[in-house]
PDB file of N, CA and C in Angstrom:
ATOM      1  N   MET A   1      23.523 -15.512  39.725  1.00  0.00           N
ATOM      2  CA  MET A   1      22.615 -15.809  38.850  1.00  0.00           C
ATOM      3  C   MET A   1      22.456 -15.951  37.426  1.00  0.00           C
ATOM      4  N   PRO A   2      21.804 -17.140  36.603  1.00  0.00           N
ATOM      5  CA  PRO A   2      22.082 -17.732  35.692  1.00  0.00           C
ATOM      6  C   PRO A   2      21.824 -16.708  34.534  1.00  0.00           C
ATOM      7  N   ALA A   3      22.773 -16.496  33.470  1.00  0.00           N
ATOM      8  CA  ALA A   3      22.453 -15.961  32.545  1.00  0.00           C
ATOM      9  C   ALA A   3      21.330 -16.270  31.491  1.00  0.00           C
ATOM     10  N   ASP A   4      21.096 -17.330  31.810  1.00  0.00           N
ATOM     11  CA  ASP A   4      19.313 -17.602  31.217  1.00  0.00           C
ATOM     12  C   ASP A   4      18.272 -16.664  31.784  1.00  0.00           C
ATOM     13  N   ARG A   5      17.442 -16.178  31.034  1.00  0.00           N
ATOM     14  CA  ARG A   5      16.817 -15.674  31.546  1.00  0.00           C
ATOM     15  C   ARG A   5      15.609 -15.574  30.890  1.00  0.00           C
ATOM     16  N   ARG A   6      15.415 -16.970  30.961  1.00  0.00           N
ATOM     17  CA  ARG A   6      14.133 -17.400  30.429  1.00  0.00           C
ATOM     18  C   ARG A   6      13.261 -18.599  31.236  1.00  0.00           C
ATOM     19  N   TYR A   7      11.757 -18.291  31.952  1.00  0.00           N
ATOM     20  CA  TYR A   7      11.201 -19.356  33.039  1.00  0.00           C
ATOM     21  C   TYR A   7      11.164 -20.186  32.146  1.00  0.00           C
ATOM     22  N   ARG A   8      10.798 -21.669  33.231  1.00  0.00           N
ATOM     23  CA  ARG A   8      10.680 -22.857  33.620  1.00  0.00           C
ATOM     24  C   ARG A   8       9.263 -23.028  33.688  1.00  0.00           C
ATOM     25  N   ALA A   9       8.126 -23.563  32.890  1.00  0.00           N
ATOM     26  CA  ALA A   9       7.015 -24.525  33.931  1.00  0.00           C
ATOM     27  C   ALA A   9       7.149 -25.824  33.344  1.00  0.00           C
ATOM     28  N   ALA A  10       7.118 -26.609  34.395  1.00  0.00           N
ATOM     29  CA  ALA A  10       7.319 -28.621  34.411  1.00  0.00           C
ATOM     30  C   ALA A  10       5.260 -28.491  34.875  1.00  0.00           C
ATOM     31  N   ARG A  11       5.486 -29.808  34.082  1.00  0.00           N
ATOM     32  CA  ARG A  11       4.190 -30.159  34.203  1.00  0.00           C
ATOM     33  C   ARG A  11       4.170 -31.622  34.481  1.00  0.00           C
ATOM     34  N   ILE A  12       3.823 -32.499  34.747  1.00  0.00           N
ATOM     35  CA  ILE A  12       3.689 -33.719  34.857  1.00  0.00           C
ATOM     36  C   ILE A  12       3.052 -34.392  32.943  1.00  0.00           C
ATOM     37  N   ARG A  13       3.535 -35.785  33.265  1.00  0.00           N
ATOM     38  CA  ARG A  13       3.039 -36.607  31.208  1.00  0.00           C
ATOM     39  C   ARG A  13       1.898 -36.641  31.663  1.00  0.00           C
ATOM     40  N   GLY A  14       0.934 -36.366  30.114  1.00  0.00           N
ATOM     41  CA  GLY A  14      -0.516 -35.981  30.762  1.00  0.00           C
ATOM     42  C   GLY A  14      -1.323 -34.774  31.386  1.00  0.00           C
ATOM     43  N   ALA A  15      -0.544 -34.160  31.602  1.00  0.00           N
ATOM     44  CA  ALA A  15      -0.973 -32.853  31.381  1.00  0.00           C
ATOM     45  C   ALA A  15      -0.884 -31.984  30.457  1.00  0.00           C
ATOM     46  N   ASP A  16      -1.192 -31.852  29.486  1.00  0.00           N
ATOM     47  CA  ASP A  16      -1.310 -31.527  27.828  1.00  0.00           C
ATOM     48  C   ASP A  16      -1.880 -29.631  28.014  1.00  0.00           C
ATOM     49  N   GLU A  17      -2.695 -30.040  28.579  1.00  0.00           N
ATOM     50  CA  GLU A  17      -4.218 -28.693  28.863  1.00  0.00           C
ATOM     51  C   GLU A  17      -3.202 -27.344  29.615  1.00  0.00           C
ATOM     52  N   TRP A  18      -1.944 -28.197  30.839  1.00  0.00           N
ATOM     53  CA  TRP A  18      -0.934 -26.828  31.488  1.00  0.00           C
ATOM     54  C   TRP A  18       0.312 -26.671  30.822  1.00  0.00           C
ATOM     55  N   ALA A  19       0.332 -27.500  29.424  1.00  0.00           N
ATOM     56  CA  ALA A  19       1.320 -27.043  28.624  1.00  0.00           C
ATOM     57  C   ALA A  19       0.980 -26.042  28.397  1.00  0.00           C
ATOM     58  N   ALA A  20      -0.561 -26.187  27.015  1.00  0.00           N
ATOM     59  CA  ALA A  20      -1.052 -25.052  26.601  1.00  0.00           C
ATOM     60  C   ALA A  20      -1.164 -23.973  26.748  1.00  0.00           C
ATOM     61  N   ALA A  21      -2.113 -23.951  28.253  1.00  0.00           N
ATOM     62  CA  ALA A  21      -2.157 -22.618  28.562  1.00  0.00           C
ATOM     63  C   ALA A  21      -0.823 -21.909  29.019  1.00  0.00           C
ATOM     64  N   ALA A  22       0.457 -22.742  29.439  1.00  0.00           N
ATOM     65  CA  ALA A  22       1.589 -21.927  29.520  1.00  0.00           C
ATOM     66  C   ALA A  22       2.286 -21.508  28.219  1.00  0.00           C
ATOM     67  N   THR A  23       1.719 -22.174  26.913  1.00  0.00           N
ATOM     68  CA  THR A  23       2.164 -21.531  25.288  1.00  0.00           C
ATOM     69  C   THR A  23       1.981 -20.708  25.415  1.00  0.00           C
ATOM     70  N   ALA A  24       0.741 -20.513  25.639  1.00  0.00           N
ATOM     71  CA  ALA A  24      -0.415 -19.493  25.271  1.00  0.00           C
ATOM     72  C   ALA A  24      -0.209 -18.235  26.481  1.00  0.00           C
ATOM     73  N   ALA A  25       0.277 -18.332  26.882  1.00  0.00           N
ATOM     74  CA  ALA A  25       0.589 -17.510  28.300  1.00  0.00           C
ATOM     75  C   ALA A  25       1.786 -16.268  28.246  1.00  0.00           C
ATOM     76  N   ALA A  26       2.971 -17.687  27.864  1.00  0.00           N
ATOM     77  CA  ALA A  26       3.789 -17.008  26.731  1.00  0.00           C
ATOM     78  C   ALA A  26       4.049 -16.097  25.872  1.00  0.00           C
ATOM     79  N   GLU A  27       2.897 -16.475  24.802  1.00  0.00           N
ATOM     80  CA  GLU A  27       3.020 -16.204  23.046  1.00  0.00           C
ATOM     81  C   GLU A  27       2.281 -14.645  24.178  1.00  0.00           C
ATOM     82  N   SER A  28       1.592 -14.111  24.980  1.00  0.00           N
ATOM     83  CA  SER A  28       0.153 -13.029  25.113  1.00  0.00           C
ATOM     84  C   SER A  28       1.231 -12.158  25.774  1.00  0.00           C
ATOM     85  N   THR A  29       2.159 -12.663  26.686  1.00  0.00           N
ATOM     86  CA  THR A  29       3.012 -11.379  27.646  1.00  0.00           C
ATOM     87  C   THR A  29       4.049 -11.653  26.516  1.00  0.00           C
ATOM     88  N   GLY A  30       4.673 -12.362  25.850  1.00  0.00           N
ATOM     89  CA  GLY A  30       6.040 -11.901  25.478  1.00  0.00           C
ATOM     90  C   GLY A  30       7.230 -12.447  26.261  1.00  0.00           C
ATOM     91  N   ILE A  31       6.313 -13.022  27.537  1.00  0.00           N
ATOM     92  CA  ILE A  31       7.372 -13.039  28.456  1.00  0.00           C
ATOM     93  C   ILE A  31       8.262 -15.059  28.216  1.00  0.00           C
ATOM     94  N   ALA A  32       9.712 -14.933  28.040  1.00  0.00           N
ATOM     95  CA  ALA A  32      10.286 -16.783  27.708  1.00  0.00           C
ATOM     96  C   ALA A  32       9.721 -17.261  28.773  1.00  0.00           C
ATOM     97  N   LEU A  33       9.123 -18.544  28.024  1.00  0.00           N
ATOM     98  CA  LEU A  33       8.988 -19.129  28.739  1.00  0.00           C
ATOM     99  C   LEU A  33       8.636 -20.718  28.211  1.00  0.00           C
ATOM    100  N   ASP A  34      10.050 -21.833  28.950  1.00  0.00           N
ATOM    101  CA  ASP A  34      10.013 -22.742  28.687  1.00  0.00           C
ATOM    102  C   ASP A  34       9.319 -23.631  28.959  1.00  0.00           C
ATOM    103  N   VAL A  35       8.577 -24.648  28.510  1.00  0.00           N
ATOM    104  CA  VAL A  35       7.164 -25.554  29.007  1.00  0.00           C
ATOM    105  C   VAL A  35       8.310 -27.164  28.363  1.00  0.00           C
ATOM    106  N   HIS A  36       8.734 -27.501  30.003  1.00  0.00           N
ATOM    107  CA  HIS A  36       8.861 -29.038  30.009  1.00  0.00           C
ATOM    108  C   HIS A  36       8.169 -29.654  30.531  1.00  0.00           C
ATOM    109  N   ARG A  37       8.189 -31.625  29.839  1.00  0.00           N
ATOM    110  CA  ARG A  37       7.473 -31.965  30.955  1.00  0.00           C
ATOM    111  C   ARG A  37       8.289 -33.386  31.806  1.00  0.00           C
ATOM    112  N   VAL A  38       7.146 -33.818  32.169  1.00  0.00           N
ATOM    113  CA  VAL A  38       8.752 -34.511  33.514  1.00  0.00           C
ATOM    114  C   VAL A  38       7.970 -35.877  34.016  1.00  0.00           C
ATOM    115  N   GLY A  39       9.134 -37.215  33.476  1.00  0.00           N
ATOM    116  CA  GLY A  39       8.057 -38.120  33.157  1.00  0.00           C
ATOM    117  C   GLY A  39       9.512 -39.298  33.113  1.00  0.00           C
ATOM    118  N   ARG A  40       9.066 -40.508  32.959  1.00  0.00           N
ATOM    119  CA  ARG A  40       9.761 -41.381  32.914  1.00  0.00           C
ATOM    120  C   ARG A  40      11.311 -41.479  31.850  1.00  0.00           C
ATOM    121  N   ALA A  41      10.527 -40.844  30.486  1.00  0.00           N
ATOM    122  CA  ALA A  41      10.938 -40.902  28.808  1.00  0.00           C
ATOM    123  C   ALA A  41      10.554 -39.457  28.650  1.00  0.00           C
ATOM    124  N   ASP A  42      10.385 -38.451  29.379  1.00  0.00           N
ATOM    125  CA  ASP A  42      10.170 -37.082  28.756  1.00  0.00           C
ATOM    126  C   ASP A  42      11.195 -36.283  29.179  1.00  0.00           C
ATOM    127  N   SER A  43      10.937 -35.060  28.455  1.00  0.00           N
ATOM    128  CA  SER A  43      12.336 -33.619  29.110  1.00  0.00           C
ATOM    129  C   SER A  43      12.789 -34.171  30.372  1.00  0.00           C
ATOM    130  N   PHE A  44      12.553 -34.144  31.472  1.00  0.00           N
ATOM    131  CA  PHE A  44      12.622 -34.300  32.037  1.00  0.00           C
ATOM    132  C   PHE A  44      12.752 -35.597  32.942  1.00  0.00           C
ATOM    133  N   THR A  45      13.946 -36.826  33.194  1.00  0.00           N
ATOM    134  CA  THR A  45      13.387 -37.916  33.697  1.00  0.00           C
ATOM    135  C   THR A  45      12.936 -38.107  35.400  1.00  0.00           C
ATOM    136  N   ASP A  46      12.060 -38.294  35.799  1.00  0.00           N
ATOM    137  CA  ASP A  46      11.586 -38.873  37.404  1.00  0.00           C
ATOM    138  C   ASP A  46      11.750 -40.251  37.697  1.00  0.00           C
ATOM    139  N   THR A  47      12.985 -40.762  37.630  1.00  0.00           N
ATOM    140  CA  THR A  47      13.279 -41.961  37.911  1.00  0.00           C
ATOM    141  C   THR A  47      12.791 -42.679  39.379  1.00  0.00           C
ATOM    142  N   THR A  48      12.430 -41.283  40.475  1.00  0.00           N
ATOM    143  CA  THR A  48      11.938 -42.163  41.586  1.00  0.00           C
ATOM    144  C   THR A  48      10.234 -41.788  41.519  1.00  0.00           C
ATOM    145  N   GLY A  49      10.112 -41.339  40.289  1.00  0.00           N
ATOM    146  CA  GLY A  49       8.616 -40.885  40.515  1.00  0.00           C
ATOM    147  C   GLY A  49       8.069 -39.437  42.211  1.00  0.00           C
ATOM    148  N   GLY A  50       9.117 -38.387  42.507  1.00  0.00           N
ATOM    149  CA  GLY A  50       9.227 -37.586  43.220  1.00  0.00           C
ATOM    150  C   GLY A  50       9.055 -36.474  43.015  1.00  0.00           C
ATOM    151  N   PHE A  51       9.157 -36.279  42.012  1.00  0.00           N
ATOM    152  CA  PHE A  51       8.638 -35.101  41.483  1.00  0.00           C
ATOM    153  C   PHE A  51       8.055 -34.116  42.107  1.00  0.00           C
ATOM    154  N   CYS A  52       6.532 -35.252  42.108  1.00  0.00           N
ATOM    155  CA  CYS A  52       5.353 -34.473  42.346  1.00  0.00           C
ATOM    156  C   CYS A  52       5.364 -33.587  43.715  1.00  0.00           C
ATOM    157  N   ALA A  53       5.529 -34.874  45.310  1.00  0.00           N
ATOM    158  CA  ALA A  53       5.921 -34.190  46.344  1.00  0.00           C
ATOM    159  C   ALA A  53       6.891 -33.378  46.421  1.00  0.00           C
ATOM    160  N   ALA A  54       7.763 -33.288  45.790  1.00  0.00           N
ATOM    161  CA  ALA A  54       9.142 -32.290  45.962  1.00  0.00           C
ATOM    162  C   ALA A  54       8.805 -30.520  46.010  1.00  0.00           C
ATOM    163  N   TYR A  55       7.571 -31.087  45.237  1.00  0.00           N
ATOM    164  CA  TYR A  55       7.254 -29.482  44.337  1.00  0.00           C
ATOM    165  C   TYR A  55       5.985 -29.447  45.223  1.00  0.00           C
ATOM    166  N   GLY A  56       4.929 -29.982  45.529  1.00  0.00           N
ATOM    167  CA  GLY A  56       4.131 -30.008  46.129  1.00  0.00           C
ATOM    168  C   GLY A  56       2.579 -30.140  44.737  1.00  0.00           C
ATOM    169  N   ILE A  57       2.709 -30.573  43.903  1.00  0.00           N
ATOM    170  CA  ILE A  57       2.131 -30.584  43.440  1.00  0.00           C
ATOM    171  C   ILE A  57       1.151 -32.165  42.950  1.00  0.00           C
ATOM    172  N   GLY A  58      -0.010 -32.052  42.465  1.00  0.00           N
ATOM    173  CA  GLY A  58      -0.127 -33.666  42.086  1.00  0.00           C
ATOM    174  C   GLY A  58       0.135 -34.050  40.885  1.00  0.00           C
ATOM    175  N   SER A  59       0.108 -35.037  40.445  1.00  0.00           N
ATOM    176  CA  SER A  59       0.268 -35.592  39.042  1.00  0.00           C
ATOM    177  C   SER A  59      -0.316 -34.598  37.885  1.00  0.00           C
ATOM    178  N   THR A  60      -1.319 -33.881  38.052  1.00  0.00           N
ATOM    179  CA  THR A  60      -1.882 -32.977  37.062  1.00  0.00           C
ATOM    180  C   THR A  60      -1.506 -31.731  37.319  1.00  0.00           C
ATOM    181  N   GLY A  61      -0.309 -31.111  38.412  1.00  0.00           N
ATOM    182  CA  GLY A  61      -0.380 -29.834  38.040  1.00  0.00           C
ATOM    183  C   GLY A  61       0.465 -29.246  37.374  1.00  0.00           C
ATOM    184  N   LEU A  62       0.904 -27.756  37.965  1.00  0.00           N
ATOM    185  CA  LEU A  62       2.111 -27.080  37.251  1.00  0.00           C
ATOM    186  C   LEU A  62       2.946 -26.449  38.040  1.00  0.00           C
ATOM    187  N   VAL A  63       4.092 -26.043  37.649  1.00  0.00           N
ATOM    188  CA  VAL A  63       4.775 -25.354  38.501  1.00  0.00           C
ATOM    189  C   VAL A  63       5.773 -24.820  37.471  1.00  0.00           C
ATOM    190  N   LEU A  64       5.581 -22.907  38.151  1.00  0.00           N
ATOM    191  CA  LEU A  64       6.335 -22.085  37.285  1.00  0.00           C
ATOM    192  C   LEU A  64       7.795 -22.440  38.292  1.00  0.00           C
ATOM    193  N   VAL A  65       8.478 -22.023  37.259  1.00  0.00           N
ATOM    194  CA  VAL A  65      10.160 -21.529  38.603  1.00  0.00           C
ATOM    195  C   VAL A  65      10.945 -20.532  37.599  1.00  0.00           C
ATOM    196  N   ARG A  66      11.146 -19.935  38.402  1.00  0.00           N
ATOM    197  CA  ARG A  66      12.060 -18.257  37.953  1.00  0.00           C
ATOM    198  C   ARG A  66      13.046 -18.988  37.524  1.00  0.00           C
ATOM    199  N   PRO A  67      14.064 -17.787  36.199  1.00  0.00           N
ATOM    200  CA  PRO A  67      15.055 -18.094  35.917  1.00  0.00           C
ATOM    201  C   PRO A  67      16.352 -18.411  37.060  1.00  0.00           C
ATOM    202  N   ASP A  68      16.246 -18.136  38.010  1.00  0.00           N
ATOM    203  CA  ASP A  68      17.079 -18.227  39.194  1.00  0.00           C
ATOM    204  C   ASP A  68      16.862 -19.186  39.971  1.00  0.00           C
ATOM    205  N   GLY A  69      15.953 -20.564  39.536  1.00  0.00           N
ATOM    206  CA  GLY A  69      15.896 -21.586  40.129  1.00  0.00           C
ATOM    207  C   GLY A  69      14.765 -21.410  41.040  1.00  0.00           C
ATOM    208  N   VAL A  70      14.630 -20.151  41.033  1.00  0.00           N
ATOM    209  CA  VAL A  70      13.273 -20.171  43.180  1.00  0.00           C
ATOM    210  C   VAL A  70      11.905 -20.429  41.852  1.00  0.00           C
ATOM    211  N   VAL A  71      11.040 -21.508  42.999  1.00  0.00           N
ATOM    212  CA  VAL A  71      10.082 -21.191  42.700  1.00  0.00           C
ATOM    213  C   VAL A  71       8.657 -20.255  42.376  1.00  0.00           C
ATOM    214  N   ALA A  72       8.369 -19.545  41.627  1.00  0.00           N
ATOM    215  CA  ALA A  72       7.233 -18.822  41.597  1.00  0.00           C
ATOM    216  C   ALA A  72       5.782 -18.768  42.054  1.00  0.00           C
ATOM    217  N   TRP A  73       5.490 -19.900  41.451  1.00  0.00           N
ATOM    218  CA  TRP A  73       3.973 -20.268  41.608  1.00  0.00           C
ATOM    219  C   TRP A  73       3.388 -21.762  40.831  1.00  0.00           C
ATOM    220  N   ARG A  74       2.566 -22.718  41.758  1.00  0.00           N
ATOM    221  CA  ARG A  74       2.248 -24.109  41.670  1.00  0.00           C
ATOM    222  C   ARG A  74       0.675 -23.524  41.328  1.00  0.00           C
ATOM    223  N   ALA A  75       0.117 -25.114  41.092  1.00  0.00           N
ATOM    224  CA  ALA A  75      -0.702 -25.791  41.097  1.00  0.00           C
ATOM    225  C   ALA A  75      -0.755 -26.656  41.501  1.00  0.00           C
ATOM    226  N   SER A  76      -1.911 -27.293  42.538  1.00  0.00           N
ATOM    227  CA  SER A  76      -1.257 -28.346  42.699  1.00  0.00           C
ATOM    228  C   SER A  76      -2.115 -29.381  41.691  1.00  0.00           C
ATOM    229  N   ASP A  77      -2.998 -29.105  40.942  1.00  0.00           N
ATOM    230  CA  ASP A  77      -3.658 -30.235  39.820  1.00  0.00           C
ATOM    231  C   ASP A  77      -4.403 -29.444  38.417  1.00  0.00           C
ATOM    232  N   GLU A  78      -5.541 -29.563  37.498  1.00  0.00           N
ATOM    233  CA  GLU A  78      -5.438 -28.915  36.500  1.00  0.00           C
ATOM    234  C   GLU A  78      -6.903 -28.242  37.265  1.00  0.00           C
ATOM    235  N   THR A  79      -7.605 -27.682  38.605  1.00  0.00           N
ATOM    236  CA  THR A  79      -8.782 -27.185  38.338  1.00  0.00           C
ATOM    237  C   THR A  79      -8.814 -25.786  37.726  1.00  0.00           C
ATOM    238  N   GLN A  80      -7.498 -25.256  37.539  1.00  0.00           N
ATOM    239  CA  GLN A  80      -7.242 -23.791  37.466  1.00  0.00           C
ATOM    240  C   GLN A  80      -6.144 -23.394  36.084  1.00  0.00           C
ATOM    241  N   VAL A  81      -6.549 -24.548  35.175  1.00  0.00           N
ATOM    242  CA  VAL A  81      -6.021 -24.242  34.109  1.00  0.00           C
ATOM    243  C   VAL A  81      -6.337 -23.200  33.494  1.00  0.00           C
ATOM    244  N   ALA A  82      -5.923 -23.048  32.705  1.00  0.00           N
ATOM    245  CA  ALA A  82      -6.622 -21.737  32.121  1.00  0.00           C
ATOM    246  C   ALA A  82      -4.975 -20.727  31.427  1.00  0.00           C
ATOM    247  N   ALA A  83      -4.884 -20.072  30.440  1.00  0.00           N
ATOM    248  CA  ALA A  83      -3.880 -19.463  29.924  1.00  0.00           C
ATOM    249  C   ALA A  83      -3.787 -18.422  31.006  1.00  0.00           C
ATOM    250  N   GLY A  84      -5.264 -17.451  31.077  1.00  0.00           N
ATOM    251  CA  GLY A  84      -4.686 -16.726  31.897  1.00  0.00           C
ATOM    252  C   GLY A  84      -4.340 -16.342  33.753  1.00  0.00           C
ATOM    253  N   THR A  85      -4.805 -17.827  34.036  1.00  0.00           N
ATOM    254  CA  THR A  85      -4.214 -18.244  35.340  1.00  0.00           C
ATOM    255  C   THR A  85      -3.132 -17.837  35.395  1.00  0.00           C
ATOM    256  N   VAL A  86      -2.240 -18.378  34.224  1.00  0.00           N
ATOM    257  CA  VAL A  86      -0.382 -18.281  33.878  1.00  0.00           C
ATOM    258  C   VAL A  86      -0.208 -17.688  34.291  1.00  0.00           C
ATOM    259  N   VAL A  87      -1.196 -16.798  32.457  1.00  0.00           N
ATOM    260  CA  VAL A  87      -0.553 -14.864  32.457  1.00  0.00           C
ATOM    261  C   VAL A  87      -0.454 -14.345  34.109  1.00  0.00           C
ATOM    262  N   THR A  88      -1.695 -14.177  35.062  1.00  0.00           N
ATOM    263  CA  THR A  88      -1.141 -14.192  36.257  1.00  0.00           C
ATOM    264  C   THR A  88      -0.339 -14.344  37.511  1.00  0.00           C
ATOM    265  N   ALA A  89       0.295 -15.690  36.794  1.00  0.00           N
ATOM    266  CA  ALA A  89       1.243 -15.818  38.049  1.00  0.00           C
ATOM    267  C   ALA A  89       2.963 -15.615  37.226  1.00  0.00           C
ATOM    268  N   LEU A  90       2.820 -14.975  35.805  1.00  0.00           N
ATOM    269  CA  LEU A  90       3.941 -14.655  35.141  1.00  0.00           C
ATOM    270  C   LEU A  90       4.384 -13.718  35.780  1.00  0.00           C
ATOM    271  N   THR A  91       3.416 -12.656  35.358  1.00  0.00           N
ATOM    272  CA  THR A  91       2.921 -11.071  35.471  1.00  0.00           C
ATOM    273  C   THR A  91       3.176 -10.830  37.511  1.00  0.00           C
ATOM    274  N   SER A  92       2.628 -11.604  37.925  1.00  0.00           N
ATOM    275  CA  SER A  92       3.135 -11.148  39.412  1.00  0.00           C
ATOM    276  C   SER A  92       4.712 -11.580  39.654  1.00  0.00           C
ATOM    277  N   ALA A  93       5.413 -13.034  39.063  1.00  0.00           N
ATOM    278  CA  ALA A  93       6.603 -13.270  39.335  1.00  0.00           C
ATOM    279  C   ALA A  93       7.027 -12.186  38.959  1.00  0.00           C
ATOM    280  N   LEU A  94       7.128 -11.155  37.986  1.00  0.00           N
ATOM    281  CA  LEU A  94       7.668 -10.129  37.668  1.00  0.00           C
ATOM    282  C   LEU A  94       7.798  -8.983  38.184  1.00  0.00           C
ATOM    283  N   GLY A  95       6.237  -9.502  39.418  1.00  0.00           N
ATOM    284  CA  GLY A  95       5.996  -7.667  39.978  1.00  0.00           C
ATOM    285  C   GLY A  95       5.734  -7.256  39.375  1.00  0.00           C
ATOM    286  N   HIS A  96       4.328  -7.545  38.415  1.00  0.00           N
ATOM    287  CA  HIS A  96       3.394  -6.380  38.358  1.00  0.00           C
ATOM    288  C   HIS A  96       2.508  -7.046  38.126  1.00  0.00           C
ATOM    289  N   ALA A  97       1.266  -5.772  38.275  1.00  0.00           N
ATOM    290  CA  ALA A  97      -0.138  -6.148  38.806  1.00  0.00           C
ATOM    291  C   ALA A  97      -1.067  -7.193  37.323  1.00  0.00           C
ATOM    292  N   GLU A  98      -0.812  -6.729  36.204  1.00  0.00           N
ATOM    293  CA  GLU A  98      -1.450  -7.226  34.966  1.00  0.00           C
ATOM    294  C   GLU A  98      -0.254  -6.820  33.928  1.00  0.00           C
ATOM    295  N   LEU A  99      -0.766  -7.028  32.627  1.00  0.00           N
ATOM    296  CA  LEU A  99       0.610  -6.961  31.723  1.00  0.00           C
ATOM    297  C   LEU A  99       0.724  -5.554  31.476  1.00  0.00           C
ATOM    298  N   PRO A 100       2.003  -5.152  31.367  1.00  0.00           N
ATOM    299  CA  PRO A 100       2.357  -3.579  31.058  1.00  0.00           C
ATOM    300  C   PRO A 100       1.919  -3.182  29.685  1.00  0.00           C
ATOM    301  N   ARG A 101       1.034  -2.691  29.476  1.00  0.00           N
ATOM    302  CA  ARG A 101       0.194  -1.624  28.597  1.00  0.00           C
ATOM    303  C   ARG A 101       1.612  -0.514  27.875  1.00  0.00           C
ATOM    304  N   ALA A 102       1.510  -0.706  26.453  1.00  0.00           N
ATOM    305  CA  ALA A 102       2.342   0.708  25.812  1.00  0.00           C
ATOM    306  C   ALA A 102       1.725   2.054  26.376  1.00  0.00           C
ATOM    307  N   ALA A 103       2.433   2.965  26.302  1.00  0.00           N
ATOM    308  CA  ALA A 103       1.771   4.699  26.931  1.00  0.00           C
ATOM    309  C   ALA A 103       0.868   4.547  26.192  1.00  0.00           C
ATOM    310  N   GLU A 104       0.063   5.336  26.550  1.00  0.00           N
ATOM    311  CA  GLU A 104      -1.221   5.774  24.901  1.00  0.00           C
ATOM    312  C   GLU A 104      -0.984   6.997  24.999  1.00  0.00           C
ATOM    313  N   PRO A 105      -1.547   7.745  24.073  1.00  0.00           N
ATOM    314  CA  PRO A 105      -0.380   9.534  24.453  1.00  0.00           C
ATOM    315  C   PRO A 105      -2.040  10.083  24.837  1.00  0.00           C
ATOM    316  N   ALA A 106      -1.270  11.120  26.010  1.00  0.00           N
ATOM    317  CA  ALA A 106      -2.735  11.551  26.121  1.00  0.00           C
ATOM    318  C   ALA A 106      -3.141  12.988  25.984  1.00  0.00           C
ATOM    319  N   VAL A 107      -4.646  12.206  26.089  1.00  0.00           N
ATOM    320  CA  VAL A 107      -6.300  12.999  25.531  1.00  0.00           C
ATOM    321  C   VAL A 107      -5.877  14.496  25.659  1.00  0.00           C
ATOM    322  N   HIS A 108      -5.709  15.367  25.421  1.00  0.00           N
ATOM    323  CA  HIS A 108      -6.226  17.145  25.805  1.00  0.00           C
ATOM    324  C   HIS A 108      -7.324  17.672  25.149  1.00  0.00           C
ATOM    325  N   SER A 109      -8.734  18.128  26.432  1.00  0.00           N
ATOM    326  CA  SER A 109      -9.678  18.876  25.066  1.00  0.00           C
ATOM    327  C   SER A 109      -8.798  20.296  25.753  1.00  0.00           C
TER     328      SER A 109
END
C-alpha cells in the first residue's frame, strides 16, 4: 500500500465541470483528493489517446482512483456532473453510506 493516502480524480481536457465537482466534493467531505487533467500537454500526458478506452470513460468522463491504485468509480460522460455525485462516490469508496457526522448529544426527557 502506498504511503500516499490521497484519492485521485482524472478527467480529460475540457471536462472542467468534473474538476469543479470533484474539488467541491473533496472540500465538503474533507477527503484528500487530487484532481488531474489528462491530455497531450496537461498534468498527465496521453500520447496515444488511449486513456478513455483504458478507463472505460468518454471524452467528458471522470475516473476516481483509490490511494492503492484501484478504480473506485467512473462516469462515462458529463451527464452525471454534480458535487453530490462525487461525494457519493467518495463516501462509497470509503464504505460509508453517507458522510460521517459528529455525534450529537443525547436528548433526555
